[in-house]
Amino acid sequence: MTSKEIARLACEAMEEKKAQDVKIINIENISTLADYFIIASGSNRNQVQAMADNVSEVLGKAGAEQRQMEGYQNANWILMDYRDVVIHIFDEENRLFYDLERIWRDGSLISREELN
């Protein structure tokens, strides 16, 4: 699977669980960490965990290997590492606090349509 396909499926999986304010940042030209950062919010702990569960299920069925997941128990910031795609699922308060969009502003914000 390409990183673009993983990113597309991850976005779809989060949107199925009513993800809020999904942002896709292409960082392949500014970092060796990954090709894409995907940032999304949920309104409460249960929704944040449901989004992470659905991403794991959808990407697992598609054959994408999850390297690591952090923060699931607290569910205020879940980080999911799929090598070239790193997914950040926040509750609203922590998303504002950490402001990853600002930190990675040198990357290119892309639309969902650009992943198709």
Protein backbone atom coordinates (compact mmCIF):
# COMPACT_ATOMS: atom_id res chain seq x y z
CA MET A 1 0.00 0.00 0.00
CA THR A 2 1.19 3.50 -0.72
CA SER A 3 1.24 6.18 1.94
CA LYS A 4 -1.42 8.04 -0.05
CA GLU A 5 -3.74 5.00 0.09
CA ILE A 6 -3.16 4.58 3.83
CA ALA A 7 -3.90 8.27 4.41
CA ARG A 8 -7.10 8.08 2.35
CA LEU A 9 -8.37 5.00 4.18
CA ALA A 10 -7.49 6.49 7.57
CA CYS A 11 -9.43 9.67 6.78
CA GLU A 12 -12.44 7.67 5.63
CA ALA A 13 -12.31 5.53 8.79
CA MET A 14 -12.21 8.59 11.05
CA GLU A 15 -14.98 10.32 9.14
CA GLU A 16 -17.18 7.23 9.61
CA LYS A 17 -16.93 7.96 13.34
CA LYS A 18 -17.75 11.67 12.88
CA ALA A 19 -14.20 13.04 13.13
CA GLN A 20 -14.07 16.80 13.39
CA ASP A 21 -11.74 19.17 11.55
CA VAL A 22 -9.63 16.55 9.76
CA LYS A 23 -6.40 18.05 8.42
CA ILE A 24 -3.94 16.28 6.14
CA ILE A 25 -0.43 17.69 6.05
CA ASN A 26 2.02 16.49 3.41
CA ILE A 27 5.44 16.58 5.09
CA GLU A 28 7.41 14.38 2.69
CA ASN A 29 9.49 17.32 1.43
CA ILE A 30 10.34 18.70 4.87
CA SER A 31 10.83 15.63 7.08
CA THR A 32 12.05 12.06 6.97
CA LEU A 33 9.55 11.08 9.70
CA ALA A 34 6.64 10.42 7.37
CA ASP A 35 4.90 11.48 4.18
CA TYR A 36 1.65 12.55 5.85
CA PHE A 37 0.44 13.74 9.22
CA ILE A 38 -3.30 13.43 9.70
CA ILE A 39 -4.82 15.41 12.55
CA ALA A 40 -8.42 15.05 13.70
CA SER A 41 -10.55 15.80 16.75
CA GLY A 42 -13.23 14.01 18.66
CA SER A 43 -15.60 15.60 21.14
CA ASN A 44 -15.06 13.10 23.95
CA ARG A 45 -12.93 10.16 25.08
CA ASN A 46 -15.30 7.52 23.66
CA GLN A 47 -15.37 9.15 20.23
CA VAL A 48 -11.58 9.55 20.13
CA GLN A 49 -11.17 5.85 20.97
CA ALA A 50 -13.85 4.83 18.45
CA MET A 51 -12.02 6.75 15.73
CA ALA A 52 -8.74 5.00 16.61
CA ASP A 53 -10.45 1.61 16.73
CA ASN A 54 -12.00 2.13 13.31
CA VAL A 55 -8.69 3.28 11.79
CA SER A 56 -6.97 0.17 13.20
CA GLU A 57 -9.70 -2.10 11.86
CA VAL A 58 -9.94 -0.56 8.38
CA LEU A 59 -6.18 -0.30 7.84
CA GLY A 60 -5.59 -3.76 9.31
CA LYS A 61 -8.08 -5.31 6.88
CA ALA A 62 -6.34 -3.45 4.03
CA GLY A 63 -2.99 -4.91 5.06
CA ALA A 64 -1.35 -1.81 6.49
CA GLU A 65 1.00 -2.51 9.38
CA GLN A 66 0.59 -0.40 12.49
CA ARG A 67 3.99 0.14 14.06
CA GLN A 68 2.76 1.71 17.27
CA MET A 69 -0.16 3.31 19.04
CA GLU A 70 0.24 5.63 22.02
CA GLY A 71 -2.25 7.34 24.30
CA TYR A 72 -5.24 5.05 23.81
CA GLN A 73 -6.11 4.67 27.50
CA ASN A 74 -6.24 8.39 28.27
CA ALA A 75 -7.66 9.22 24.83
CA ASN A 76 -6.78 12.90 24.97
CA TRP A 77 -4.18 12.40 22.20
CA ILE A 78 -3.86 9.09 20.38
CA LEU A 79 -0.88 8.75 18.07
CA MET A 80 -0.97 5.99 15.48
CA ASP A 81 2.19 5.22 13.48
CA TYR A 82 1.85 3.59 10.08
CA ARG A 83 5.43 4.30 8.96
CA ASP A 84 4.85 6.95 6.29
CA VAL A 85 1.53 8.08 7.77
CA VAL A 86 1.24 9.34 11.33
CA ILE A 87 -2.27 9.87 12.66
CA HIS A 88 -3.02 12.19 15.58
CA ILE A 89 -6.48 11.98 17.12
CA PHE A 90 -7.10 14.60 19.78
CA ASP A 91 -9.82 15.71 22.11
CA GLU A 92 -10.65 19.34 21.40
CA GLU A 93 -8.74 20.83 24.36
CA ASN A 94 -5.46 19.03 23.68
CA ARG A 95 -5.61 19.77 19.96
CA LEU A 96 -5.73 23.47 20.73
CA PHE A 97 -2.95 23.15 23.30
CA TYR A 98 -0.47 21.22 21.14
CA ASP A 99 -1.38 23.01 17.88
CA LEU A 100 0.43 20.60 15.55
CA GLU A 101 -0.86 22.47 12.52
CA ARG A 102 1.27 25.45 13.57
CA ILE A 103 4.32 23.32 14.36
CA TRP A 104 4.14 21.63 10.93
CA ARG A 105 3.06 24.71 8.98
CA ASP A 106 6.00 24.25 6.58
CA GLY A 107 4.23 21.16 5.27
CA SER A 108 1.54 21.40 2.61
CA LEU A 109 -2.06 21.26 3.79
CA ILE A 110 -3.86 19.07 1.27
CA SER A 111 -7.51 18.24 0.67
CA ARG A 112 -9.11 14.82 0.94
CA GLU A 113 -9.70 14.89 -2.81
CA GLU A 114 -5.95 15.04 -3.42
CA LEU A 115 -5.64 11.56 -1.83
CA ASN A 116 -7.91 9.96 -4.43
